[in-house]
Amino acid sequence: MVYELLTFGLFALVTIASSLGVVLAQDVWHSALLLGVALLSVAVHYVMLQAEFLAAMQILVYVGGVLILITFAVMLTRQAKTEEEVSNV
């Protein structure tokens, strides 16, 4: 019972921290990666509730589908930096 409570608390903290990171991150790429962490930790919550099918669908549909779509959108819409922008950084 104690281990289940500790595991729930750990993954609840991971879910909240990564969700805040999605909102507060300056870089879109880091937001997408933190969204993946948040969605995976929600899948762990489903496993803890003994809803393995929902956890599998969470991983397949959201992490596998939506997150990959966001990743491709970020990669395809990024503009290449010019020499002036690189030297200013």
Protein backbone atom coordinates (compact mmCIF):
# COMPACT_ATOMS: atom_id res chain seq x y z
CA MET A 1 0.00 0.00 0.00
CA VAL A 2 2.83 2.38 0.88
CA TYR A 3 4.69 1.64 -2.35
CA GLU A 4 1.57 2.32 -4.42
CA LEU A 5 1.11 5.65 -2.68
CA LEU A 6 4.75 6.61 -3.21
CA THR A 7 4.56 5.61 -6.87
CA PHE A 8 1.38 7.60 -7.35
CA GLY A 9 2.93 10.63 -5.67
CA LEU A 10 6.07 10.38 -7.79
CA PHE A 11 4.22 10.14 -11.08
CA ALA A 12 1.73 12.83 -10.03
CA LEU A 13 4.69 15.12 -9.39
CA VAL A 14 6.21 14.18 -12.77
CA THR A 15 2.88 14.87 -14.50
CA ILE A 16 2.44 18.27 -12.87
CA ALA A 17 6.06 19.32 -13.38
CA SER A 18 6.15 18.32 -17.04
CA SER A 19 2.76 19.94 -17.68
CA LEU A 20 4.04 23.18 -16.20
CA GLY A 21 7.16 22.79 -18.30
CA VAL A 22 5.03 22.48 -21.45
CA VAL A 23 3.39 25.81 -20.70
CA LEU A 24 6.46 27.66 -19.44
CA ALA A 25 9.15 26.42 -21.85
CA GLN A 26 10.48 29.02 -24.27
CA ASP A 27 11.43 26.53 -27.00
CA VAL A 28 8.69 24.68 -28.89
CA TRP A 29 10.88 21.60 -29.19
CA HIS A 30 11.30 21.36 -25.42
CA SER A 31 7.56 21.86 -24.97
CA ALA A 32 6.88 18.92 -27.29
CA LEU A 33 9.31 16.69 -25.39
CA LEU A 34 7.79 17.66 -22.05
CA LEU A 35 4.34 16.95 -23.49
CA GLY A 36 5.57 13.43 -24.25
CA VAL A 37 6.70 13.01 -20.65
CA ALA A 38 3.35 14.25 -19.37
CA LEU A 39 1.40 11.89 -21.64
CA LEU A 40 3.56 8.92 -20.67
CA SER A 41 3.09 9.65 -16.99
CA VAL A 42 -0.68 9.77 -17.51
CA ALA A 43 -0.38 6.31 -19.09
CA VAL A 44 1.37 5.14 -15.92
CA HIS A 45 -1.60 6.42 -13.92
CA TYR A 46 -3.89 4.31 -16.12
CA VAL A 47 -1.74 1.24 -15.42
CA MET A 48 -1.97 1.94 -11.71
CA LEU A 49 -5.76 2.00 -12.07
CA GLN A 50 -5.55 -1.41 -13.80
CA ALA A 51 -6.80 0.05 -17.09
CA GLU A 52 -4.07 -1.39 -19.29
CA PHE A 53 -6.05 -0.96 -22.52
CA LEU A 54 -6.47 2.76 -21.87
CA ALA A 55 -2.76 3.03 -21.09
CA ALA A 56 -1.90 1.30 -24.37
CA MET A 57 -4.25 3.59 -26.30
CA GLN A 58 -2.78 6.61 -24.53
CA ILE A 59 0.68 5.61 -25.68
CA LEU A 60 -0.31 4.59 -29.20
CA VAL A 61 -2.65 7.46 -30.02
CA TYR A 62 -1.30 10.41 -28.08
CA VAL A 63 2.39 9.71 -27.67
CA GLY A 64 2.74 7.78 -30.90
CA GLY A 65 0.44 9.87 -33.06
CA VAL A 66 -0.12 13.36 -31.79
CA LEU A 67 3.38 13.90 -30.42
CA ILE A 68 5.01 12.65 -33.62
CA LEU A 69 2.74 14.98 -35.60
CA ILE A 70 3.77 17.92 -33.41
CA THR A 71 7.43 16.94 -33.75
CA PHE A 72 7.22 16.87 -37.55
CA ALA A 73 5.35 20.18 -37.58
CA VAL A 74 8.07 21.78 -35.45
CA MET A 75 10.85 20.37 -37.62
CA LEU A 76 9.21 21.38 -40.90
CA THR A 77 8.22 24.90 -39.89
CA ARG A 78 11.48 25.98 -38.25
CA GLN A 79 13.33 28.65 -40.17
CA ALA A 80 17.05 28.35 -40.73
CA LYS A 81 19.08 30.96 -38.88
CA THR A 82 21.13 33.36 -40.92
CA GLU A 83 24.78 34.14 -40.15
CA GLU A 84 23.81 37.43 -38.44
CA GLU A 85 21.38 35.69 -36.09
CA VAL A 86 23.95 33.02 -35.19
CA SER A 87 26.67 35.61 -34.51
CA ASN A 88 24.29 37.69 -32.34
CA VAL A 89 23.60 34.75 -30.05
